[in-house]
Amino acid sequence: MHNEKNNSPMSGYLMAIVVGTCLITGIGGFIAIHAPFFIFPMILGGLLIPGFFYVNPNSSVVLVLFGDYKGTVKTNGFFWVNPLFVKKPISLRARNFDSEKIKVNDKVGNPIQIGVILVWQVRDTFKAAFEVDNYENFVRIQSDSAVRKLAGLYPYDNFDTDAELTLRSGHEEVNRALEENLKNRLDIAGIHVIEARIGYLAYAPEIASAMLRRQQATAVVAARFKIVEGAISMVQMALSQLSEHDIIDLDDERKAAMVSNLMVVLCSDKDVSPVVNTGTLNH
């Protein structure tokens, strides 16, 4: 396996003077004295022109001669190389890739829609040019494959307990796993993964409404549990305070009635209507 190597080509400005001299000499001499000899400098200048190229900032040019890799030019500027070299430009800039939303099944089989945002750049131009057929298409396909694999490793959500890592709750861990997976996949193409994260996550339309109702029901049950837990604590405190300060002596039947009334008042989701007892405690 080859590795990337730097190539330091000749300055294009120096060769521009040489080529210009050849062309001016050939054209001027042929016009002046019509000697066939001056055709050769013209032909030489024309043959040297294809060797010129330039490299922009954060760009590179891969040089190949008859299938032999001659190196990569990463230095910015205007250069000249052997005109027979094939020059393949490769950008070194960081790029964003926002994948399409794909429909997959999570760990428990629920259909979900998921998309990924990937920030990447070419680090090894040899691998990008020769190890894969098209490195940009390779990034797209491998990103799609990594997202499908990730979705199958975690459930979308966990309604019963928060102990298990899920796609919705475990942002840092899930994104870290996605990034590591993509790094391993894209290394063969010389691609460096700067950042990878889930950009879109939702239930598939056919189960979205049912899952929303389930989430709402889970939230209602959790809220009711907290309300009942607090109401029991308040009833205990009320009975304890009445007994401690000897305000009233309640038998078991009256305690049960008081507890029932307090629980109704504290746990009801609507305002209760008070009833004023104008008689004795027994009526």
C-alpha atoms as a PDB file:
ATOM      1  CA  MET A   1       0.000   0.000   0.000  1.00  0.00           C
ATOM      2  CA  HIS A   2       1.323   3.437  -0.935  1.00  0.00           C
ATOM      3  CA  ASN A   3       1.247   6.468   1.281  1.00  0.00           C
ATOM      4  CA  GLU A   4       0.810  10.107   0.458  1.00  0.00           C
ATOM      5  CA  LYS A   5       4.042  11.916  -0.427  1.00  0.00           C
ATOM      6  CA  ASN A   6       4.686  15.568  -1.092  1.00  0.00           C
ATOM      7  CA  ASN A   7       5.833  16.804  -4.477  1.00  0.00           C
ATOM      8  CA  SER A   8       7.715  20.107  -4.895  1.00  0.00           C
ATOM      9  CA  PRO A   9       7.233  21.173  -8.519  1.00  0.00           C
ATOM     10  CA  MET A  10       9.072  23.904 -10.406  1.00  0.00           C
ATOM     11  CA  SER A  11       7.891  27.498 -10.166  1.00  0.00           C
ATOM     12  CA  GLY A  12       5.366  28.309 -12.846  1.00  0.00           C
ATOM     13  CA  TYR A  13       6.591  31.882 -13.173  1.00  0.00           C
ATOM     14  CA  LEU A  14      10.091  30.782 -14.194  1.00  0.00           C
ATOM     15  CA  MET A  15       8.741  28.355 -16.768  1.00  0.00           C
ATOM     16  CA  ALA A  16       6.328  31.005 -18.023  1.00  0.00           C
ATOM     17  CA  ILE A  17       9.370  33.087 -19.010  1.00  0.00           C
ATOM     18  CA  VAL A  18      10.897  30.083 -20.802  1.00  0.00           C
ATOM     19  CA  VAL A  19       7.684  29.246 -22.645  1.00  0.00           C
ATOM     20  CA  GLY A  20       7.098  32.887 -23.529  1.00  0.00           C
ATOM     21  CA  THR A  21      10.615  33.185 -24.905  1.00  0.00           C
ATOM     22  CA  CYS A  22      10.155  30.071 -27.052  1.00  0.00           C
ATOM     23  CA  LEU A  23       6.851  31.309 -28.474  1.00  0.00           C
ATOM     24  CA  ILE A  24       8.054  34.864 -29.121  1.00  0.00           C
ATOM     25  CA  THR A  25      11.265  33.634 -30.713  1.00  0.00           C
ATOM     26  CA  GLY A  26       9.517  31.134 -32.902  1.00  0.00           C
ATOM     27  CA  ILE A  27       6.688  33.402 -34.035  1.00  0.00           C
ATOM     28  CA  GLY A  28       8.886  36.480 -34.445  1.00  0.00           C
ATOM     29  CA  GLY A  29      11.627  34.635 -36.326  1.00  0.00           C
ATOM     30  CA  PHE A  30       9.190  32.858 -38.625  1.00  0.00           C
ATOM     31  CA  ILE A  31       7.458  36.136 -39.489  1.00  0.00           C
ATOM     32  CA  ALA A  32      10.736  38.005 -39.958  1.00  0.00           C
ATOM     33  CA  ILE A  33      12.705  35.609 -42.145  1.00  0.00           C
ATOM     34  CA  HIS A  34      10.186  32.816 -42.886  1.00  0.00           C
ATOM     35  CA  ALA A  35      12.709  30.176 -41.865  1.00  0.00           C
ATOM     36  CA  PRO A  36      11.196  26.728 -41.086  1.00  0.00           C
ATOM     37  CA  PHE A  37      13.691  26.373 -38.247  1.00  0.00           C
ATOM     38  CA  PHE A  38      11.643  28.771 -36.077  1.00  0.00           C
ATOM     39  CA  ILE A  39       8.702  26.346 -36.076  1.00  0.00           C
ATOM     40  CA  PHE A  40      10.502  24.148 -33.504  1.00  0.00           C
ATOM     41  CA  PRO A  41      10.561  26.797 -30.703  1.00  0.00           C
ATOM     42  CA  MET A  42       6.863  27.374 -31.347  1.00  0.00           C
ATOM     43  CA  ILE A  43       6.111  23.640 -31.066  1.00  0.00           C
ATOM     44  CA  LEU A  44       8.251  23.345 -27.911  1.00  0.00           C
ATOM     45  CA  GLY A  45       6.448  26.245 -26.249  1.00  0.00           C
ATOM     46  CA  GLY A  46       3.082  24.734 -27.134  1.00  0.00           C
ATOM     47  CA  LEU A  47       4.087  21.353 -25.675  1.00  0.00           C
ATOM     48  CA  LEU A  48       5.208  22.945 -22.402  1.00  0.00           C
ATOM     49  CA  ILE A  49       1.986  24.908 -21.791  1.00  0.00           C
ATOM     50  CA  PRO A  50      -0.116  21.941 -20.436  1.00  0.00           C
ATOM     51  CA  GLY A  51       2.390  21.594 -17.562  1.00  0.00           C
ATOM     52  CA  PHE A  52       1.140  24.773 -15.859  1.00  0.00           C
ATOM     53  CA  PHE A  53      -1.283  24.574 -12.924  1.00  0.00           C
ATOM     54  CA  TYR A  54      -2.060  26.374  -9.682  1.00  0.00           C
ATOM     55  CA  VAL A  55      -3.083  25.302  -6.185  1.00  0.00           C
ATOM     56  CA  ASN A  56      -5.581  27.324  -4.146  1.00  0.00           C
ATOM     57  CA  PRO A  57      -5.511  27.547  -0.325  1.00  0.00           C
ATOM     58  CA  ASN A  58      -6.794  24.365   1.341  1.00  0.00           C
ATOM     59  CA  SER A  59      -6.548  22.514  -1.961  1.00  0.00           C
ATOM     60  CA  SER A  60      -4.179  19.960  -3.437  1.00  0.00           C
ATOM     61  CA  VAL A  61      -3.252  18.381  -6.768  1.00  0.00           C
ATOM     62  CA  VAL A  62      -2.394  14.695  -7.143  1.00  0.00           C
ATOM     63  CA  LEU A  63       0.187  13.997  -9.869  1.00  0.00           C
ATOM     64  CA  VAL A  64       0.197  10.736 -11.854  1.00  0.00           C
ATOM     65  CA  LEU A  65       2.463   9.730 -14.747  1.00  0.00           C
ATOM     66  CA  PHE A  66       1.276   6.728 -16.799  1.00  0.00           C
ATOM     67  CA  GLY A  67      -0.336   5.142 -13.730  1.00  0.00           C
ATOM     68  CA  ASP A  68       2.601   5.915 -11.419  1.00  0.00           C
ATOM     69  CA  TYR A  69       1.806   8.121  -8.435  1.00  0.00           C
ATOM     70  CA  LYS A  70       4.331  10.978  -8.350  1.00  0.00           C
ATOM     71  CA  GLY A  71       3.148  12.795  -5.246  1.00  0.00           C
ATOM     72  CA  THR A  72       0.745  15.474  -4.080  1.00  0.00           C
ATOM     73  CA  VAL A  73       1.225  19.235  -4.268  1.00  0.00           C
ATOM     74  CA  LYS A  74      -0.278  20.962  -1.226  1.00  0.00           C
ATOM     75  CA  THR A  75       1.705  24.203  -1.368  1.00  0.00           C
ATOM     76  CA  ASN A  76      -0.295  27.152  -2.632  1.00  0.00           C
ATOM     77  CA  GLY A  77       0.909  28.877  -5.787  1.00  0.00           C
ATOM     78  CA  PHE A  78       1.596  28.665  -9.531  1.00  0.00           C
ATOM     79  CA  PHE A  79       3.663  25.681 -10.691  1.00  0.00           C
ATOM     80  CA  TRP A  80       4.877  23.717 -13.675  1.00  0.00           C
ATOM     81  CA  VAL A  81       5.421  19.979 -14.017  1.00  0.00           C
ATOM     82  CA  ASN A  82       5.981  17.489 -16.779  1.00  0.00           C
ATOM     83  CA  PRO A  83       3.153  18.106 -19.294  1.00  0.00           C
ATOM     84  CA  LEU A  84       2.503  14.355 -19.411  1.00  0.00           C
ATOM     85  CA  PHE A  85       1.471  14.329 -15.733  1.00  0.00           C
ATOM     86  CA  VAL A  86      -2.223  13.798 -15.035  1.00  0.00           C
ATOM     87  CA  LYS A  87      -3.259  16.408 -12.470  1.00  0.00           C
ATOM     88  CA  LYS A  88      -6.195  15.514 -10.188  1.00  0.00           C
ATOM     89  CA  PRO A  89      -7.367  18.325  -7.862  1.00  0.00           C
ATOM     90  CA  ILE A  90      -8.642  17.332  -4.404  1.00  0.00           C
ATOM     91  CA  SER A  91     -10.075  19.849  -1.952  1.00  0.00           C
ATOM     92  CA  LEU A  92      -8.767  19.806   1.624  1.00  0.00           C
ATOM     93  CA  ARG A  93     -11.527  22.046   2.982  1.00  0.00           C
ATOM     94  CA  ALA A  94     -13.877  20.897   5.731  1.00  0.00           C
ATOM     95  CA  ARG A  95     -17.255  19.903   4.316  1.00  0.00           C
ATOM     96  CA  ASN A  96     -20.741  19.439   5.757  1.00  0.00           C
ATOM     97  CA  PHE A  97     -22.859  16.453   4.861  1.00  0.00           C
ATOM     98  CA  ASP A  98     -26.508  16.446   5.939  1.00  0.00           C
ATOM     99  CA  SER A  99     -27.877  13.026   5.144  1.00  0.00           C
ATOM    100  CA  GLU A 100     -31.411  12.331   4.033  1.00  0.00           C
ATOM    101  CA  LYS A 101     -33.876  11.080   6.637  1.00  0.00           C
ATOM    102  CA  ILE A 102     -33.919   7.309   6.388  1.00  0.00           C
ATOM    103  CA  LYS A 103     -36.487   4.916   7.840  1.00  0.00           C
ATOM    104  CA  VAL A 104     -35.016   2.135   9.998  1.00  0.00           C
ATOM    105  CA  ASN A 105     -35.955  -0.001  12.999  1.00  0.00           C
ATOM    106  CA  ASP A 106     -34.513   0.727  16.433  1.00  0.00           C
ATOM    107  CA  LYS A 107     -33.266  -1.935  18.854  1.00  0.00           C
ATOM    108  CA  VAL A 108     -36.776  -3.001  19.898  1.00  0.00           C
ATOM    109  CA  GLY A 109     -38.167  -2.970  16.357  1.00  0.00           C
ATOM    110  CA  ASN A 110     -39.961   0.388  16.321  1.00  0.00           C
ATOM    111  CA  PRO A 111     -39.798   2.134  12.915  1.00  0.00           C
ATOM    112  CA  ILE A 112     -38.058   5.498  13.229  1.00  0.00           C
ATOM    113  CA  GLN A 113     -36.720   8.221  10.957  1.00  0.00           C
ATOM    114  CA  ILE A 114     -33.145   9.323  11.518  1.00  0.00           C
ATOM    115  CA  GLY A 115     -30.596  11.566   9.806  1.00  0.00           C
ATOM    116  CA  VAL A 116     -26.960  12.454  10.491  1.00  0.00           C
ATOM    117  CA  ILE A 117     -24.882  15.619  10.171  1.00  0.00           C
ATOM    118  CA  LEU A 118     -21.249  14.915   9.306  1.00  0.00           C
ATOM    119  CA  VAL A 119     -18.311  17.339   9.135  1.00  0.00           C
ATOM    120  CA  TRP A 120     -15.341  15.823   7.281  1.00  0.00           C
ATOM    121  CA  GLN A 121     -12.240  16.618   5.258  1.00  0.00           C
ATOM    122  CA  VAL A 122      -9.635  14.782   3.198  1.00  0.00           C
ATOM    123  CA  ARG A 123      -6.429  14.067   5.115  1.00  0.00           C
ATOM    124  CA  ASP A 124      -4.684  11.511   2.876  1.00  0.00           C
ATOM    125  CA  THR A 125      -4.973  12.431  -0.793  1.00  0.00           C
ATOM    126  CA  PHE A 126      -3.487   9.130  -1.995  1.00  0.00           C
ATOM    127  CA  LYS A 127      -6.226   7.109  -0.267  1.00  0.00           C
ATOM    128  CA  ALA A 128      -8.928   9.512  -1.437  1.00  0.00           C
ATOM    129  CA  ALA A 129      -7.732   9.310  -5.042  1.00  0.00           C
ATOM    130  CA  PHE A 130      -6.826   5.628  -5.365  1.00  0.00           C
ATOM    131  CA  GLU A 131      -8.201   3.522  -2.495  1.00  0.00           C
ATOM    132  CA  VAL A 132     -11.871   4.190  -3.371  1.00  0.00           C
ATOM    133  CA  ASP A 133     -13.623   4.847  -6.661  1.00  0.00           C
ATOM    134  CA  ASN A 134     -15.300   8.121  -5.630  1.00  0.00           C
ATOM    135  CA  TYR A 135     -14.520   9.372  -2.144  1.00  0.00           C
ATOM    136  CA  GLU A 136     -17.489  11.784  -1.976  1.00  0.00           C
ATOM    137  CA  ASN A 137     -19.956   9.035  -2.849  1.00  0.00           C
ATOM    138  CA  PHE A 138     -18.104   6.746  -0.436  1.00  0.00           C
ATOM    139  CA  VAL A 139     -18.768   9.229   2.397  1.00  0.00           C
ATOM    140  CA  ARG A 140     -22.495   9.317   1.604  1.00  0.00           C
ATOM    141  CA  ILE A 141     -22.927   5.541   1.435  1.00  0.00           C
ATOM    142  CA  GLN A 142     -20.872   4.804   4.541  1.00  0.00           C
ATOM    143  CA  SER A 143     -22.699   7.494   6.519  1.00  0.00           C
ATOM    144  CA  ASP A 144     -26.013   5.891   5.599  1.00  0.00           C
ATOM    145  CA  SER A 145     -24.720   2.468   6.618  1.00  0.00           C
ATOM    146  CA  ALA A 146     -23.358   3.787   9.940  1.00  0.00           C
ATOM    147  CA  VAL A 147     -26.686   5.416  10.802  1.00  0.00           C
ATOM    148  CA  ARG A 148     -28.577   2.197  10.102  1.00  0.00           C
ATOM    149  CA  LYS A 149     -26.214   0.248  12.320  1.00  0.00           C
ATOM    150  CA  LEU A 150     -26.439   2.845  15.101  1.00  0.00           C
ATOM    151  CA  ALA A 151     -30.237   2.822  15.102  1.00  0.00           C
ATOM    152  CA  GLY A 152     -30.235  -0.946  15.638  1.00  0.00           C
ATOM    153  CA  LEU A 153     -28.013  -0.683  18.719  1.00  0.00           C
ATOM    154  CA  TYR A 154     -30.279   1.534  20.837  1.00  0.00           C
ATOM    155  CA  PRO A 155     -34.019   1.914  21.450  1.00  0.00           C
ATOM    156  CA  TYR A 156     -35.584   5.222  20.500  1.00  0.00           C
ATOM    157  CA  ASP A 157     -36.890   5.736  24.023  1.00  0.00           C
ATOM    158  CA  ASN A 158     -37.389   3.775  27.225  1.00  0.00           C
ATOM    159  CA  PHE A 159     -40.736   4.325  28.888  1.00  0.00           C
ATOM    160  CA  ASP A 160     -40.191   1.992  31.838  1.00  0.00           C
ATOM    161  CA  THR A 161     -36.810   3.067  33.206  1.00  0.00           C
ATOM    162  CA  ASP A 162     -34.059   5.538  32.481  1.00  0.00           C
ATOM    163  CA  ALA A 163     -31.324   2.961  33.107  1.00  0.00           C
ATOM    164  CA  GLU A 164     -30.888   1.948  29.444  1.00  0.00           C
ATOM    165  CA  LEU A 165     -29.171   4.283  27.009  1.00  0.00           C
ATOM    166  CA  THR A 166     -31.526   5.496  24.263  1.00  0.00           C
ATOM    167  CA  LEU A 167     -31.233   7.476  21.052  1.00  0.00           C
ATOM    168  CA  ARG A 168     -33.329  10.301  22.492  1.00  0.00           C
ATOM    169  CA  SER A 169     -31.682  10.653  25.887  1.00  0.00           C
ATOM    170  CA  GLY A 170     -28.066   9.576  25.361  1.00  0.00           C
ATOM    171  CA  HIS A 171     -26.926  12.374  23.050  1.00  0.00           C
ATOM    172  CA  GLU A 172     -23.241  12.440  24.015  1.00  0.00           C
ATOM    173  CA  GLU A 173     -22.745   8.682  24.149  1.00  0.00           C
ATOM    174  CA  VAL A 174     -24.734   7.973  20.980  1.00  0.00           C
ATOM    175  CA  ASN A 175     -22.988  10.718  18.977  1.00  0.00           C
ATOM    176  CA  ARG A 176     -19.610   9.485  20.231  1.00  0.00           C
ATOM    177  CA  ALA A 177     -20.422   5.952  19.072  1.00  0.00           C
ATOM    178  CA  LEU A 178     -21.566   7.285  15.682  1.00  0.00           C
ATOM    179  CA  GLU A 179     -18.397   9.337  15.261  1.00  0.00           C
ATOM    180  CA  GLU A 180     -16.145   6.397  16.161  1.00  0.00           C
ATOM    181  CA  ASN A 181     -17.981   4.121  13.731  1.00  0.00           C
ATOM    182  CA  LEU A 182     -17.640   6.634  10.896  1.00  0.00           C
ATOM    183  CA  LYS A 183     -13.948   7.182  11.604  1.00  0.00           C
ATOM    184  CA  ASN A 184     -13.296   3.464  11.215  1.00  0.00           C
ATOM    185  CA  ARG A 185     -15.345   3.263   8.029  1.00  0.00           C
ATOM    186  CA  LEU A 186     -13.915   6.365   6.306  1.00  0.00           C
ATOM    187  CA  ASP A 187     -10.265   5.852   7.220  1.00  0.00           C
ATOM    188  CA  ILE A 188      -9.782   3.646   4.157  1.00  0.00           C
ATOM    189  CA  ALA A 189     -10.562   6.683   1.973  1.00  0.00           C
ATOM    190  CA  GLY A 190      -8.226   9.013   3.864  1.00  0.00           C
ATOM    191  CA  ILE A 191     -11.190  10.921   5.318  1.00  0.00           C
ATOM    192  CA  HIS A 192     -10.895  12.620   8.705  1.00  0.00           C
ATOM    193  CA  VAL A 193     -14.179  12.889  10.635  1.00  0.00           C
ATOM    194  CA  ILE A 194     -14.269  16.232  12.456  1.00  0.00           C
ATOM    195  CA  GLU A 195     -17.738  15.824  13.941  1.00  0.00           C
ATOM    196  CA  ALA A 196     -20.690  13.474  13.576  1.00  0.00           C
ATOM    197  CA  ARG A 197     -24.039  13.792  15.304  1.00  0.00           C
ATOM    198  CA  ILE A 198     -27.686  12.875  14.869  1.00  0.00           C
ATOM    199  CA  GLY A 199     -29.400  15.749  13.090  1.00  0.00           C
ATOM    200  CA  TYR A 200     -32.954  14.380  12.930  1.00  0.00           C
ATOM    201  CA  LEU A 201     -34.746  11.794  15.052  1.00  0.00           C
ATOM    202  CA  ALA A 202     -38.447  10.942  15.154  1.00  0.00           C
ATOM    203  CA  TYR A 203     -40.843   8.030  15.123  1.00  0.00           C
ATOM    204  CA  ALA A 204     -42.073   6.948  11.706  1.00  0.00           C
ATOM    205  CA  PRO A 205     -45.434   8.558  10.771  1.00  0.00           C
ATOM    206  CA  GLU A 206     -47.396   5.295  11.094  1.00  0.00           C
ATOM    207  CA  ILE A 207     -46.663   4.969  14.826  1.00  0.00           C
ATOM    208  CA  ALA A 208     -45.939   8.581  15.774  1.00  0.00           C
ATOM    209  CA  SER A 209     -49.460   9.323  17.102  1.00  0.00           C
ATOM    210  CA  ALA A 210     -49.606   6.081  19.119  1.00  0.00           C
ATOM    211  CA  MET A 211     -46.178   6.734  20.662  1.00  0.00           C
ATOM    212  CA  LEU A 212     -47.214  10.299  21.506  1.00  0.00           C
ATOM    213  CA  ARG A 213     -50.230   8.989  23.410  1.00  0.00           C
ATOM    214  CA  ARG A 214     -47.984   6.501  25.191  1.00  0.00           C
ATOM    215  CA  GLN A 215     -45.579   9.268  26.188  1.00  0.00           C
ATOM    216  CA  GLN A 216     -48.472  11.358  27.452  1.00  0.00           C
ATOM    217  CA  ALA A 217     -49.853   8.420  29.438  1.00  0.00           C
ATOM    218  CA  THR A 218     -46.428   7.758  30.957  1.00  0.00           C
ATOM    219  CA  ALA A 219     -46.121  11.414  31.941  1.00  0.00           C
ATOM    220  CA  VAL A 220     -49.612  11.380  33.519  1.00  0.00           C
ATOM    221  CA  VAL A 221     -48.846   8.231  35.519  1.00  0.00           C
ATOM    222  CA  ALA A 222     -45.561   9.693  36.752  1.00  0.00           C
ATOM    223  CA  ALA A 223     -47.290  12.927  37.743  1.00  0.00           C
ATOM    224  CA  ARG A 224     -50.076  11.040  39.563  1.00  0.00           C
ATOM    225  CA  PHE A 225     -47.495   9.011  41.430  1.00  0.00           C
ATOM    226  CA  LYS A 226     -45.821  12.172  42.691  1.00  0.00           C
ATOM    227  CA  ILE A 227     -49.191  13.699  43.642  1.00  0.00           C
ATOM    228  CA  VAL A 228     -50.268  10.635  45.633  1.00  0.00           C
ATOM    229  CA  GLU A 229     -46.860  10.397  47.289  1.00  0.00           C
ATOM    230  CA  GLY A 230     -47.100  14.029  48.376  1.00  0.00           C
ATOM    231  CA  ALA A 231     -50.725  13.691  49.474  1.00  0.00           C
ATOM    232  CA  ILE A 232     -49.910  10.735  51.751  1.00  0.00           C
ATOM    233  CA  SER A 233     -47.086  12.705  53.307  1.00  0.00           C
ATOM    234  CA  MET A 234     -49.389  15.691  53.937  1.00  0.00           C
ATOM    235  CA  VAL A 235     -52.121  13.494  55.469  1.00  0.00           C
ATOM    236  CA  GLN A 236     -49.574  11.878  57.764  1.00  0.00           C
ATOM    237  CA  MET A 237     -48.320  15.284  58.817  1.00  0.00           C
ATOM    238  CA  ALA A 238     -51.879  16.545  59.452  1.00  0.00           C
ATOM    239  CA  LEU A 239     -52.791  13.563  61.644  1.00  0.00           C
ATOM    240  CA  SER A 240     -49.474  13.794  63.471  1.00  0.00           C
ATOM    241  CA  GLN A 241     -49.919  17.523  64.188  1.00  0.00           C
ATOM    242  CA  LEU A 242     -53.519  17.062  65.414  1.00  0.00           C
ATOM    243  CA  SER A 243     -52.447  14.297  67.771  1.00  0.00           C
ATOM    244  CA  GLU A 244     -49.292  16.076  68.964  1.00  0.00           C
ATOM    245  CA  HIS A 245     -51.055  19.317  69.875  1.00  0.00           C
ATOM    246  CA  ASP A 246     -54.061  17.447  71.329  1.00  0.00           C
ATOM    247  CA  ILE A 247     -56.431  19.459  69.168  1.00  0.00           C
ATOM    248  CA  ILE A 248     -58.928  16.657  68.662  1.00  0.00           C
ATOM    249  CA  ASP A 249     -59.107  12.968  69.493  1.00  0.00           C
ATOM    250  CA  LEU A 250     -60.151  10.979  66.467  1.00  0.00           C
ATOM    251  CA  ASP A 251     -61.168   7.358  66.506  1.00  0.00           C
ATOM    252  CA  ASP A 252     -60.329   5.029  63.625  1.00  0.00           C
ATOM    253  CA  GLU A 253     -63.599   5.694  61.794  1.00  0.00           C
ATOM    254  CA  ARG A 254     -63.149   9.483  61.909  1.00  0.00           C
ATOM    255  CA  LYS A 255     -59.488   9.163  60.919  1.00  0.00           C
ATOM    256  CA  ALA A 256     -60.561   7.104  57.906  1.00  0.00           C
ATOM    257  CA  ALA A 257     -63.133   9.733  56.933  1.00  0.00           C
ATOM    258  CA  MET A 258     -60.586  12.527  57.328  1.00  0.00           C
ATOM    259  CA  VAL A 259     -57.982  10.669  55.321  1.00  0.00           C
ATOM    260  CA  SER A 260     -60.531   9.997  52.571  1.00  0.00           C
ATOM    261  CA  ASN A 261     -61.549  13.654  52.373  1.00  0.00           C
ATOM    262  CA  LEU A 262     -57.959  14.911  52.374  1.00  0.00           C
ATOM    263  CA  MET A 263     -56.893  12.469  49.678  1.00  0.00           C
ATOM    264  CA  VAL A 264     -59.815  13.534  47.487  1.00  0.00           C
ATOM    265  CA  VAL A 265     -58.927  17.204  47.932  1.00  0.00           C
ATOM    266  CA  LEU A 266     -55.181  16.733  47.406  1.00  0.00           C
ATOM    267  CA  CYS A 267     -55.317  14.254  44.513  1.00  0.00           C
ATOM    268  CA  SER A 268     -58.208  15.700  42.510  1.00  0.00           C
ATOM    269  CA  ASP A 269     -57.292  17.375  39.232  1.00  0.00           C
ATOM    270  CA  LYS A 270     -60.285  19.715  39.587  1.00  0.00           C
ATOM    271  CA  ASP A 271     -61.320  22.197  42.243  1.00  0.00           C
ATOM    272  CA  VAL A 272     -63.386  20.561  44.964  1.00  0.00           C
ATOM    273  CA  SER A 273     -66.576  22.017  46.440  1.00  0.00           C
ATOM    274  CA  PRO A 274     -66.310  22.396  50.234  1.00  0.00           C
ATOM    275  CA  VAL A 275     -69.175  21.199  52.430  1.00  0.00           C
ATOM    276  CA  VAL A 276     -69.638  23.060  55.732  1.00  0.00           C
ATOM    277  CA  ASN A 277     -70.815  20.842  58.593  1.00  0.00           C
ATOM    278  CA  THR A 278     -73.014  22.976  60.901  1.00  0.00           C
ATOM    279  CA  GLY A 279     -73.817  20.115  63.236  1.00  0.00           C
ATOM    280  CA  THR A 280     -71.627  17.874  65.377  1.00  0.00           C
ATOM    281  CA  LEU A 281     -68.758  15.734  64.202  1.00  0.00           C
ATOM    282  CA  ASN A 282     -71.116  12.779  64.053  1.00  0.00           C
ATOM    283  CA  HIS A 283     -73.520  14.463  61.541  1.00  0.00           C
END
